[in-house]
Protein backbone atom coordinates (compact mmCIF):
# COMPACT_ATOMS: atom_id res chain seq x y z
CA THR A 1 0.11 -0.08 -0.07
CA ARG A 2 1.03 3.43 -0.14
CA GLU A 3 2.07 3.85 3.30
CA TYR A 4 4.64 0.98 3.10
CA ALA A 5 5.92 2.52 -0.01
CA THR A 6 6.28 5.86 2.16
CA LEU A 7 7.83 3.98 4.97
CA ALA A 8 10.19 2.12 2.47
CA ALA A 9 11.06 5.29 0.73
CA LEU A 10 12.03 7.09 4.20
CA LEU A 11 14.05 4.00 5.55
CA ALA A 12 15.91 3.92 2.05
CA ALA A 13 16.76 7.65 2.26
CA ALA A 14 17.88 7.27 6.26
CA HIS A 15 19.48 4.05 6.24
CA PRO A 16 20.24 2.29 2.98
CA ASP A 17 22.64 -0.47 4.37
CA ARG A 18 19.67 -1.59 6.73
CA LEU A 19 17.25 -1.47 3.73
CA MET A 20 19.54 -3.63 1.34
CA PHE A 21 19.79 -5.96 4.46
CA THR A 22 16.16 -6.27 5.00
CA LEU A 23 15.55 -6.77 1.37
CA CYS A 24 18.17 -9.67 1.10
CA ALA A 25 16.91 -11.28 4.30
CA TYR A 26 13.49 -11.37 3.08
CA GLY A 27 14.37 -12.55 -0.24
CA ALA A 28 16.40 -15.46 1.10
CA SER A 29 13.68 -16.44 3.78
CA SER A 30 11.01 -16.30 1.14
CA TYR A 31 13.29 -18.44 -1.21
CA THR A 32 13.85 -20.92 1.30
CA GLY A 33 10.25 -21.19 2.34
CA VAL A 34 8.96 -21.55 -1.19
CA THR A 35 11.66 -24.05 -1.91
CA CYS A 36 10.69 -26.12 1.28
CA MET A 37 7.05 -25.85 0.36
CA LEU A 38 7.61 -27.13 -2.97
CA ALA A 39 9.75 -30.08 -1.82
CA LEU A 40 6.96 -30.95 0.92
CA ILE A 41 4.31 -30.92 -2.08
CA GLU A 42 6.27 -33.16 -4.23
CA VAL A 43 7.15 -35.72 -1.32
CA TRP A 44 3.72 -35.70 0.45
CA GLY A 45 1.28 -34.15 -1.84
CA SER A 46 -0.87 -31.10 -1.78
CA ALA A 47 -2.82 -32.18 1.15
CA ALA A 48 0.15 -32.24 3.38
CA GLY A 49 1.31 -28.96 1.98
CA VAL A 50 -1.97 -27.06 2.75
CA ALA A 51 -1.91 -28.59 6.29
CA VAL A 52 1.73 -27.48 6.94
CA GLY A 53 0.74 -24.10 5.38
CA THR A 54 -2.34 -23.76 7.77
CA LEU A 55 -0.31 -25.02 10.93
CA ARG A 56 2.21 -22.52 10.16
CA LYS A 57 -0.26 -19.54 10.15
CA MET A 58 -1.82 -20.68 13.32
CA LEU A 59 1.83 -20.77 14.91
CA THR A 60 2.54 -17.34 13.61
CA VAL A 61 -0.83 -16.02 15.20
CA PHE A 62 -0.02 -17.66 18.49
CA ILE A 63 3.63 -16.57 18.38
CA SER A 64 2.19 -12.86 17.78
CA PHE A 65 0.21 -13.31 20.91
CA VAL A 66 2.99 -14.42 22.96
CA TRP A 67 5.31 -11.74 21.73
CA TRP A 68 3.23 -8.66 21.71
CA ALA A 69 0.94 -9.31 24.65
CA LYS A 70 -2.64 -8.54 23.73
CA PRO A 71 -5.44 -8.45 26.26
CA PHE A 72 -7.59 -11.58 25.69
CA SER A 73 -11.29 -10.75 25.21
CA ALA A 74 -14.47 -12.92 24.19
CA THR A 75 -14.18 -11.81 20.69
CA PHE A 76 -11.15 -13.98 20.28
CA GLY A 77 -12.62 -16.77 22.01
CA CYS A 78 -15.41 -16.69 19.98
CA SER A 79 -13.67 -16.65 16.72
CA GLY A 80 -11.23 -19.60 18.05
CA CYS A 81 -14.49 -21.51 18.74
CA ALA A 82 -15.84 -20.85 15.22
CA VAL A 83 -12.52 -22.10 13.63
CA LEU A 84 -12.68 -25.24 15.63
CA ALA A 85 -16.59 -25.82 14.62
CA ALA A 86 -15.74 -25.09 11.18
CA ILE A 87 -12.88 -28.10 11.27
CA ALA A 88 -15.11 -30.14 13.00
CA VAL A 89 -18.09 -29.66 10.52
CA ASN A 90 -15.48 -30.31 7.67
CA ALA A 91 -14.41 -33.64 9.36
CA SER A 92 -17.75 -34.93 9.96
CA ALA A 93 -18.75 -34.27 6.52
CA LYS A 94 -15.73 -36.08 5.22
CA TRP A 95 -16.67 -39.15 7.62
CA LEU A 96 -20.00 -39.13 6.58
CA VAL A 97 -19.26 -39.27 2.83
CA ARG A 98 -16.84 -42.44 3.59
CA VAL A 99 -19.62 -44.02 5.70
CA CYS A 100 -22.63 -43.12 3.66
CA GLY A 101 -20.82 -43.39 0.33
CA ARG A 102 -22.26 -40.07 -0.85
CA ARG A 103 -22.63 -36.62 0.16
CA ARG A 104 -25.86 -35.66 2.19
CA VAL A 105 -27.58 -32.28 2.67
CA TRP A 106 -28.29 -30.56 5.74
CA TYR A 107 -32.16 -31.55 5.36
CA GLU A 108 -31.34 -34.96 5.57
CA PHE A 109 -30.44 -34.99 9.09
CA ILE A 110 -33.84 -33.53 10.47
CA PRO A 111 -36.13 -36.28 11.74
CA HIS A 112 -39.31 -36.58 9.32
CA VAL A 113 -42.61 -36.41 11.37
């Protein structure tokens, strides 16, 4: 965005060596991450790549809460429960497909009177 571009320009003007180091470190870490992810996908498949990527994001959020202490609120708890509920619904839908042999829609679970 424009704010980041302005910040980068100010940083380059004030500390060109620091900017070059930051850019090189970002490039090297990005290259390493992409290479590792492609190797993981090649060996274990795309599902493992998605799982590792999701776990990495979860770990990043957790570390940010530890590193920069934020007051815990009910909103954080509700959003965490919503994520866990979505994972549970997805897992149960996959289990139903395995057991029933087909996908079922939500109204099939309502008892008919």
